[in-house]
């Protein structure tokens, strides 16, 4: 009978630990969703207007 009790308490503690891990994982997933990923593409510089180009030529 004590083997049954030990088995039951072991299962209960394992289930409790699994639930804690699942909660932590869900929290990490929500944090991950909030983080904005930056674009890997190289951004081009600001283009000059036609007026600025004309002024440089002079």
Foldseek 3Di string as FASTA:
>chain_A
DVVVVVVVVVVVVVVVVVVVVVVVVVVVVVVVVPDDDDDPDDDDDDDDDPVVVVVVVD
